[in-house]
Every structure is written in C-alpha cells, then in structure tokens.
Protein backbone atom coordinates (compact mmCIF):
# COMPACT_ATOMS: atom_id res chain seq x y z
CA MET A 1 -11.62 -45.85 58.33
CA SER A 2 -8.91 -43.93 60.17
CA ALA A 3 -8.79 -40.12 60.35
CA LEU A 4 -5.87 -40.21 57.92
CA ASP A 5 -7.74 -42.39 55.42
CA ASP A 6 -10.76 -40.12 55.73
CA PHE A 7 -8.66 -37.02 55.17
CA ILE A 8 -6.97 -38.45 52.07
CA ASP A 9 -10.34 -39.46 50.64
CA ILE A 10 -11.92 -36.06 51.32
CA SER A 11 -8.90 -34.16 50.00
CA GLN A 12 -8.92 -36.14 46.78
CA LYS A 13 -12.61 -35.46 46.20
CA GLU A 14 -12.44 -31.79 47.16
CA PHE A 15 -9.19 -30.87 45.43
CA PHE A 16 -9.82 -32.66 42.16
CA GLY A 17 -13.40 -31.44 42.18
CA TYR A 18 -12.11 -27.88 42.48
CA ILE A 19 -9.53 -28.37 39.71
CA LYS A 20 -12.19 -29.78 37.39
CA ASN A 21 -14.44 -26.77 37.86
CA ILE A 22 -11.96 -23.91 38.18
CA ASN A 23 -13.02 -20.89 36.14
CA ARG A 24 -10.24 -20.26 33.63
CA ASP A 25 -11.84 -17.01 32.46
CA ASP A 26 -11.68 -15.61 36.00
CA ILE A 27 -7.97 -16.42 36.23
CA ASN A 28 -7.30 -14.63 32.96
CA ARG A 29 -9.43 -11.63 33.94
CA ALA A 30 -7.54 -11.31 37.23
CA ALA A 31 -4.30 -11.34 35.24
CA ASP A 32 -5.74 -8.56 33.05
CA ILE A 33 -6.28 -6.39 36.13
CA ILE A 34 -2.71 -7.00 37.30
CA ASP A 35 -1.32 -6.32 33.82
CA ALA A 36 -3.26 -3.07 33.48
CA SER A 37 -1.94 -1.87 36.84
CA ARG A 38 1.62 -2.83 36.03
CA LYS A 39 1.56 -1.01 32.68
CA ASN A 40 0.69 2.15 34.61
CA GLY A 41 3.46 1.68 37.17
CA GLY A 42 1.35 -0.21 39.72
CA ARG A 43 2.60 -3.10 41.84
CA LEU A 44 1.08 -6.33 43.13
CA HIS A 45 0.65 -7.13 46.82
CA ILE A 46 -0.82 -10.23 48.49
CA THR A 47 -2.33 -10.54 51.96
CA GLY A 48 -4.32 -12.82 54.23
CA ILE A 49 -5.08 -13.55 57.87
CA GLY A 50 -4.09 -16.72 59.73
CA LYS A 51 -3.29 -19.69 57.49
CA PRO A 52 -4.01 -17.69 54.31
CA SER A 53 -1.25 -15.27 55.36
CA HIS A 54 1.22 -18.11 54.80
CA VAL A 55 -0.39 -18.79 51.42
CA ALA A 56 0.10 -15.08 50.68
CA THR A 57 3.84 -15.17 51.44
CA TYR A 58 4.25 -18.22 49.21
CA ALA A 59 2.19 -16.55 46.48
CA ALA A 60 4.28 -13.37 46.56
CA SER A 61 7.47 -15.43 46.36
CA LEU A 62 6.20 -17.65 43.52
CA ILE A 63 4.84 -14.82 41.40
CA SER A 64 7.96 -12.69 41.94
CA SER A 65 10.23 -15.56 40.93
CA THR A 66 8.36 -16.02 37.65
CA GLY A 67 8.58 -12.47 36.33
CA THR A 68 5.95 -10.35 38.08
CA PRO A 69 7.26 -8.50 41.16
CA ALA A 70 4.90 -9.09 44.09
CA PHE A 71 5.03 -8.04 47.72
CA TYR A 72 3.57 -9.54 50.88
CA LEU A 73 1.27 -7.15 52.75
CA HIS A 74 0.90 -8.11 56.42
CA GLY A 75 -2.76 -8.79 57.12
CA THR A 76 -3.01 -6.91 60.41
CA GLU A 77 -0.03 -4.56 60.24
CA ALA A 78 -1.62 -3.07 57.13
CA VAL A 79 -3.94 -0.99 59.33
CA HIS A 80 -1.05 0.04 61.57
CA GLY A 81 1.13 1.67 58.92
CA SER A 82 2.04 -1.05 56.44
CA CYS A 83 -0.44 0.38 53.96
CA GLY A 84 2.39 2.83 53.41
CA GLN A 85 3.84 0.27 50.99
CA LEU A 86 0.82 0.82 48.75
CA VAL A 87 0.62 3.36 45.94
CA LYS A 88 -2.59 4.43 44.24
CA GLY A 89 -3.22 2.11 41.32
CA ASP A 90 -1.63 -0.97 42.92
CA VAL A 91 -3.47 -4.30 43.06
CA VAL A 92 -3.87 -6.29 46.29
CA ILE A 93 -4.88 -9.96 46.31
CA CYS A 94 -6.78 -10.72 49.54
CA ILE A 95 -7.01 -14.42 50.46
CA SER A 96 -9.68 -15.65 52.87
CA ASN A 97 -11.66 -18.88 52.90
CA SER A 98 -14.73 -17.39 54.57
CA GLY A 99 -14.35 -13.93 53.09
CA ASN A 100 -15.80 -12.55 56.31
CA THR A 101 -12.75 -12.37 58.60
CA ALA A 102 -12.98 -9.17 60.65
CA GLU A 103 -9.29 -8.32 60.45
CA LEU A 104 -9.23 -8.73 56.68
CA LYS A 105 -12.31 -6.55 56.34
CA ALA A 106 -10.39 -3.75 58.04
CA THR A 107 -7.35 -4.33 55.83
CA ALA A 108 -9.40 -4.49 52.63
CA SER A 109 -11.14 -1.24 53.55
CA ALA A 110 -7.77 0.43 54.17
CA VAL A 111 -6.47 -0.90 50.85
CA LYS A 112 -9.43 0.60 48.98
CA ASN A 113 -9.00 3.89 50.86
CA ASN A 114 -5.42 4.00 49.57
CA GLY A 115 -6.62 3.84 45.97
CA CYS A 116 -5.84 0.20 45.21
CA LYS A 117 -7.88 -2.47 43.47
CA ILE A 118 -8.68 -5.73 45.25
CA ILE A 119 -8.77 -9.24 43.83
CA ALA A 120 -10.41 -11.54 46.38
CA VAL A 121 -9.62 -15.25 46.55
CA THR A 122 -12.29 -16.85 48.72
CA GLY A 123 -14.32 -19.99 49.18
CA ASN A 124 -17.54 -18.00 49.59
CA LYS A 125 -18.94 -16.21 46.55
CA ASP A 126 -21.49 -14.39 48.70
CA SER A 127 -19.03 -13.19 51.33
CA TRP A 128 -18.34 -9.60 52.31
CA LEU A 129 -14.88 -9.73 50.71
CA ALA A 130 -16.13 -11.21 47.44
CA LYS A 131 -18.68 -8.40 47.11
CA PHE A 132 -16.35 -5.64 48.33
CA SER A 133 -13.52 -6.55 45.97
CA ASP A 134 -13.11 -5.36 42.41
CA PHE A 135 -12.84 -8.96 41.25
CA HIS A 136 -13.34 -12.37 42.81
CA ILE A 137 -11.72 -15.76 42.21
CA PHE A 138 -13.57 -18.68 43.77
CA ALA A 139 -11.36 -21.13 45.66
CA GLY A 140 -13.81 -23.13 47.73
CA VAL A 141 -14.36 -26.61 49.08
CA LYS A 142 -17.22 -28.17 51.03
CA GLN A 143 -15.10 -30.08 53.55
CA GLU A 144 -11.69 -29.42 55.04
CA GLY A 145 -11.04 -33.01 56.11
CA GLY A 146 -9.49 -34.17 59.36
CA PRO A 147 -10.87 -34.37 62.91
CA LEU A 148 -13.53 -31.71 63.60
CA ASN A 149 -13.49 -30.64 59.92
CA ARG A 150 -12.33 -27.17 61.01
CA ALA A 151 -8.60 -26.66 60.52
CA PRO A 152 -7.86 -25.19 57.05
CA ARG A 153 -6.62 -28.06 54.93
CA ALA A 154 -8.51 -28.65 51.68
CA SER A 155 -9.35 -24.93 51.42
CA VAL A 156 -5.63 -24.11 51.52
CA LEU A 157 -5.04 -26.53 48.65
CA ALA A 158 -7.70 -24.70 46.61
CA GLU A 159 -6.27 -21.26 47.44
CA ILE A 160 -2.75 -22.31 46.51
CA PHE A 161 -3.90 -23.87 43.26
CA ALA A 162 -5.84 -20.73 42.27
CA ILE A 163 -2.73 -18.62 42.88
CA GLN A 164 -0.56 -21.09 40.99
CA CYS A 165 -2.93 -20.88 38.00
CA LEU A 166 -2.69 -17.09 38.12
CA SER A 167 1.11 -17.31 38.29
CA ILE A 168 1.13 -19.49 35.16
CA VAL A 169 -0.85 -16.91 33.17
CA LEU A 170 1.31 -14.05 34.39
CA GLN A 171 4.53 -15.93 33.62
CA GLU A 172 3.32 -16.79 30.13
CA ARG A 173 2.47 -13.16 29.46
CA VAL A 174 5.85 -11.78 30.51
CA ASN A 175 7.54 -14.64 28.65
CA ILE A 176 10.35 -15.03 31.17
CA THR A 177 13.38 -16.79 29.69
CA PRO A 178 15.49 -19.47 31.40
CA GLU A 179 18.31 -16.91 31.66
CA GLN A 180 16.03 -14.43 33.43
CA TYR A 181 14.70 -17.12 35.75
CA VAL A 182 18.25 -18.09 36.74
CA LYS A 183 19.03 -14.44 37.51
CA PHE A 184 16.02 -14.32 39.84
CA HIS A 185 16.92 -17.66 41.42
CA PRO A 186 20.72 -18.09 41.38
CA GLY A 187 20.83 -20.53 44.30
CA GLY A 188 20.33 -24.28 44.26
CA THR A 189 19.63 -26.54 41.30
CA LEU A 190 16.85 -24.22 40.04
CA GLY A 191 19.53 -21.57 39.55
CA GLN A 192 21.30 -23.54 36.85
CA LEU A 193 20.52 -23.64 33.14
CA ARG A 194 19.46 -27.09 31.96
CA ASP A 195 21.20 -28.74 29.03
CA ASN A 196 18.27 -28.02 26.68
CA GLU A 197 18.28 -24.33 27.73
CA ARG A 198 21.90 -23.50 26.90
C-alpha cells in the first residue's frame, strides 16, 4: 500500500468515525455561550497556533458570512497587544489539537485576564486548554495519516468539521435570509439570488 493509499484509508476511518460520534449537545451548548455573549453586546473571536491558526481564519470567515460576526485573534500577537481587540464579555474559541501548546496557553491566559470566556476545540479532553476553558468541544482523532503520522491532517479535518457544525447552529438561530447572505457576499456566484430564492 502506498503512502497515499494509507492516508486515504486512515482519513476515511478517522473522519467518519469522528462524525459518527460528534457530541451534538456540546455544539449546541457552545452556541448558547456565544448567543448569551452576543445578546449582551459581546463579540466572537477565534484563535489558534500553527495549522489551527489557518483553521481559525477560515472559521471566522465562515461564521461571519453566515450571520454571526466573528474576528480572527492572532495566536501569538494576542500577548503583544492584540488582546486590545477583546472586550469583557466576549467569547474566544481556541483551537489546538494537543491542547497543551505553550503559546496558546499564554494567549488563553491573557484572554481570561481580559474578562472573556473560552471555548476550547481540542483533540485531548484531558489537556490543559480543555480544563482551563469555560467549555470544551472534542475534535480528536487517533491517527493523522501520512508519513511519520505527525503533520496535522486528520485532526484538521475534525477541527474544521466541529466549527462547521457550530456555524450551522448559529446560522439557524439567526435565521439569515438569502437576501442578507447576498449582502454579506456580493461577489461571485454565491452573491447572486437563486431562482427559488427570488
């Protein structure tokens, strides 16, 4: 079996195994936290270190485009002044597979010190971040796939899917209309009303 075949096989097992067992109640409870903050004037921010930082930028873009304003918080710049974008009562989603990344520990501590709640998305329920956060969403896999089984691959799929599930709940709750979606996304084919939406 080639490395590619092995990766596809592992990804299928890990990803679909995660989907099958995802905790729907946790997704809804995380949405409750975000909703409660928003009703009191709070905002949503998303952060991560390394590969999860790219997941965080995607997550902020996706959630913003579907009716819940969200902002990317730089994982390391947060402790060098970017925590200035935070206001007491905001919610910050911290994404980390291990939940023990030193840089994210520093950022999470700074976030808490600025009066914000933390929702952790990790692959380790017993990690520092999972325990330090106000709420935890599990997004874990047993194998990454690929040579060395080190580079984040399957874990990124799980993190993205968890965020996508959260975005679905948030979008359903704000009940964004096709007209509103087009206003948020006026470019490209997504920025056009479909025939059944007119």
